[in-house]
Protein backbone atom coordinates (compact mmCIF):
# COMPACT_ATOMS: atom_id res chain seq x y z
CA MET A 1 -106.41 -23.38 31.72
CA LYS A 2 -103.93 -22.31 33.64
CA LEU A 3 -100.77 -20.83 34.79
CA LEU A 4 -98.37 -23.35 35.96
CA SER A 5 -94.90 -21.27 36.36
CA VAL A 6 -93.53 -18.10 34.91
CA GLN A 7 -89.83 -17.31 34.63
CA THR A 8 -87.55 -14.26 33.48
CA GLY A 9 -83.84 -13.29 32.89
CA ARG A 10 -81.80 -11.14 31.84
CA PRO A 11 -79.11 -10.80 28.60
CA ARG A 12 -76.02 -12.35 29.53
CA GLU A 13 -72.79 -13.78 27.41
CA ILE A 14 -71.98 -17.37 26.41
CA ARG A 15 -68.84 -19.25 24.82
CA HIS A 16 -70.05 -20.51 21.75
CA ARG A 17 -67.14 -21.75 18.58
CA GLY A 18 -65.19 -19.55 19.82
CA ARG A 19 -67.41 -16.52 19.85
CA THR A 20 -69.77 -14.37 22.15
CA VAL A 21 -73.27 -14.37 21.61
CA ARG A 22 -75.56 -11.85 23.58
CA THR A 23 -79.38 -14.11 25.19
CA ALA A 24 -81.53 -13.74 27.75
CA ILE A 25 -83.53 -17.05 26.08
CA TYR A 26 -82.20 -18.50 29.52
CA LYS A 27 -85.41 -17.71 32.16
CA ASP A 28 -85.67 -19.05 35.35
CA PRO A 29 -88.47 -19.79 37.65
CA VAL A 30 -89.72 -16.55 39.76
CA LEU A 31 -91.23 -17.48 42.95
CA PHE A 32 -93.27 -14.60 43.66
CA ARG A 33 -96.12 -12.69 41.50
CA VAL A 34 -94.94 -10.59 38.82
CA ARG A 35 -96.33 -7.45 37.27
CA ALA A 36 -96.71 -7.99 33.10
CA ARG A 37 -96.02 -4.64 31.57
CA ARG A 38 -96.49 -3.16 27.95
CA LEU A 39 -93.48 -4.16 27.46
CA GLY A 40 -92.84 -7.50 29.91
CA LEU A 41 -92.64 -9.01 32.56
CA GLU A 42 -91.16 -7.13 35.30
CA GLY A 43 -87.25 -8.46 35.71
CA ASP A 44 -87.60 -9.74 32.08
CA GLY A 45 -85.30 -8.17 29.24
CA GLN A 46 -84.75 -9.39 25.52
CA ALA A 47 -80.42 -9.15 24.42
CA ASP A 48 -81.87 -8.03 20.46
CA LEU A 49 -84.48 -5.79 20.42
CA ARG A 50 -84.97 -6.22 16.91
CA VAL A 51 -86.46 -9.92 16.53
CA HIS A 52 -87.32 -10.11 20.42
CA GLY A 53 -89.81 -7.52 22.78
CA GLY A 54 -91.74 -4.77 21.77
CA PRO A 55 -95.77 -4.66 22.46
CA GLU A 56 -95.85 -6.86 19.93
CA LYS A 57 -93.82 -9.87 21.44
CA ALA A 58 -94.29 -8.76 25.63
CA VAL A 59 -94.21 -11.76 27.18
CA TYR A 60 -94.08 -15.76 25.46
CA ALA A 61 -95.95 -18.38 26.41
CA TYR A 62 -95.56 -21.79 25.92
CA ASP A 63 -97.82 -25.05 26.87
CA LEU A 64 -97.44 -27.48 28.73
CA SER A 65 -98.09 -30.37 26.13
CA GLY A 66 -95.03 -29.29 23.89
CA TYR A 67 -92.98 -30.74 26.96
CA ALA A 68 -94.70 -34.09 26.30
CA HIS A 69 -94.54 -34.10 22.80
CA TRP A 70 -90.62 -33.13 23.09
CA ARG A 71 -90.14 -35.59 25.85
CA MET A 72 -91.31 -38.66 24.03
CA GLU A 73 -89.38 -36.73 20.65
CA LEU A 74 -86.04 -36.56 22.28
CA GLY A 75 -86.16 -38.58 25.76
CA VAL A 76 -85.31 -35.52 27.51
CA ASP A 77 -87.49 -34.29 30.43
CA PHE A 78 -87.29 -30.43 30.13
CA PRO A 79 -87.62 -28.04 32.90
CA HIS A 80 -90.08 -25.06 32.26
CA GLY A 81 -88.38 -22.08 30.91
CA GLN A 82 -86.44 -24.87 28.36
CA PHE A 83 -88.24 -23.25 25.45
CA GLY A 84 -87.14 -19.51 26.51
CA GLU A 85 -90.73 -18.68 27.33
CA ASN A 86 -92.26 -16.20 30.85
CA LEU A 87 -95.05 -18.24 30.92
CA THR A 88 -95.36 -22.08 31.27
CA VAL A 89 -99.43 -22.69 30.47
CA GLU A 90 -101.71 -26.06 30.96
CA GLY A 91 -104.50 -25.82 28.63
CA MET A 92 -103.60 -24.21 25.72
CA PRO A 93 -102.17 -25.69 23.01
CA GLU A 94 -100.97 -24.07 19.47
CA THR A 95 -103.83 -26.22 18.27
CA ASP A 96 -106.62 -24.50 20.11
CA VAL A 97 -105.27 -21.28 21.30
CA ARG A 98 -106.33 -18.24 18.57
CA ILE A 99 -104.39 -15.66 17.03
CA ASP A 100 -106.17 -12.25 18.98
CA ASP A 101 -107.64 -13.95 21.39
CA ILE A 102 -107.96 -12.41 24.91
CA TYR A 103 -107.01 -14.32 27.82
CA ARG A 104 -107.45 -12.52 31.62
CA ALA A 105 -104.42 -14.35 33.99
CA GLY A 106 -104.52 -12.85 37.28
CA GLY A 107 -104.64 -9.24 37.39
CA ALA A 108 -103.26 -9.30 33.70
CA LEU A 109 -105.46 -8.76 30.17
CA LEU A 110 -103.24 -10.59 27.54
CA GLN A 111 -103.68 -10.85 23.40
CA VAL A 112 -102.14 -13.52 21.66
CA SER A 113 -100.08 -11.74 18.69
CA GLN A 114 -98.03 -13.77 16.88
CA PRO A 115 -96.08 -17.45 17.06
CA ARG A 116 -93.08 -18.13 17.54
CA SER A 117 -90.42 -17.86 15.67
CA PRO A 118 -87.12 -20.20 16.65
CA CYS A 119 -83.97 -18.30 16.33
CA TYR A 120 -80.57 -19.93 16.16
CA LYS A 121 -80.07 -19.22 19.86
CA LEU A 122 -82.63 -21.74 20.47
CA ALA A 123 -80.66 -23.73 19.17
CA LEU A 124 -77.44 -23.17 21.25
CA LYS A 125 -79.18 -23.74 24.27
CA MET A 126 -81.07 -27.02 23.38
CA GLU A 127 -77.62 -27.93 22.30
CA ARG A 128 -79.17 -29.09 18.51
CA PRO A 129 -78.04 -27.28 15.31
CA THR A 130 -81.52 -28.34 14.05
CA PHE A 131 -83.54 -27.64 16.28
CA PRO A 132 -85.71 -24.37 15.62
CA LYS A 133 -86.00 -26.14 12.35
CA ALA A 134 -88.08 -29.54 14.17
CA PHE A 135 -89.31 -26.99 16.59
CA LEU A 136 -91.06 -25.84 14.06
CA ARG A 137 -91.96 -28.40 12.23
CA SER A 138 -94.15 -29.63 15.09
CA GLY A 139 -96.25 -26.60 15.14
CA ARG A 140 -95.65 -26.55 19.15
CA THR A 141 -93.81 -22.38 18.86
CA GLY A 142 -95.37 -21.45 21.64
CA PHE A 143 -96.72 -17.99 21.14
CA TYR A 144 -96.78 -14.10 21.55
CA LEU A 145 -98.90 -12.08 24.10
CA ARG A 146 -99.12 -8.32 24.11
CA VAL A 147 -100.09 -6.66 27.65
CA LEU A 148 -103.87 -5.28 27.01
CA GLU A 149 -104.36 -4.43 30.88
CA GLU A 150 -101.13 -4.23 33.17
CA GLY A 151 -101.32 -6.35 36.36
CA GLU A 152 -99.18 -9.34 38.30
CA LEU A 153 -99.93 -12.57 37.66
CA GLY A 154 -97.90 -16.11 39.02
CA ALA A 155 -97.87 -19.35 39.00
CA GLY A 156 -100.77 -20.86 39.74
CA ASP A 157 -102.80 -18.55 38.21
CA PRO A 158 -106.38 -19.51 36.46
CA ILE A 159 -106.24 -18.72 32.89
CA GLU A 160 -109.66 -17.56 31.35
CA LEU A 161 -110.66 -16.85 27.92
CA VAL A 162 -112.12 -13.43 27.98
CA SER A 163 -112.72 -13.55 24.24
CA ARG A 164 -112.26 -14.74 20.73
CA GLN A 165 -113.17 -14.25 17.06
CA SER A 166 -114.49 -17.04 15.28
CA ASP A 167 -112.86 -16.80 12.30
CA ALA A 168 -109.68 -16.55 13.43
CA VAL A 169 -106.87 -18.26 12.62
CA THR A 170 -105.02 -20.67 15.38
CA VAL A 171 -101.18 -20.51 16.01
CA GLU A 172 -100.31 -23.88 14.72
CA LYS A 173 -102.01 -22.98 10.99
CA MET A 174 -100.52 -19.63 11.53
CA VAL A 175 -96.34 -20.89 12.08
CA ARG A 176 -98.26 -23.74 9.30
CA LEU A 177 -98.83 -21.04 6.15
CA THR A 178 -95.85 -18.88 7.46
CA TYR A 179 -93.49 -21.10 6.93
CA GLY A 180 -94.81 -23.01 4.49
CA LEU A 181 -95.40 -26.45 6.29
């Protein structure tokens, strides 16, 4: 398992159908090591703290296999960060990663807390109004991480599984259970 890319972004305003929408789904690659803190990556922000961020959703990770899926499905080669993730990872598909898994990436200790629930802002970014439904149906939602131990991480860092409960449900299964898919 490997950390391929790290992305951060700040809230910004975009125009959609004549109205202003505040969002932080646009993330740009960081070319240096970043500190993972209890409430998120240094330099990252969320636009709506009622539904994003906080200790249970401090960092959002998305696996490279999801990129391959959407490239086949949509015929588009997306850049890392396209889905609003902070960490683009390799070898951590939702079919393998389990809720409460603990991973070490660089100097940070991270714990899987929940799958990502896509909102309309993902549809805006993808320029596809029905994309959030397809995203859920695919089971390739990525997952949120708690920061158990703060530390620096960066692109190229290996990711090590530290702890797993053998009876824990996978992220993909949690998506299916939560949304009745």
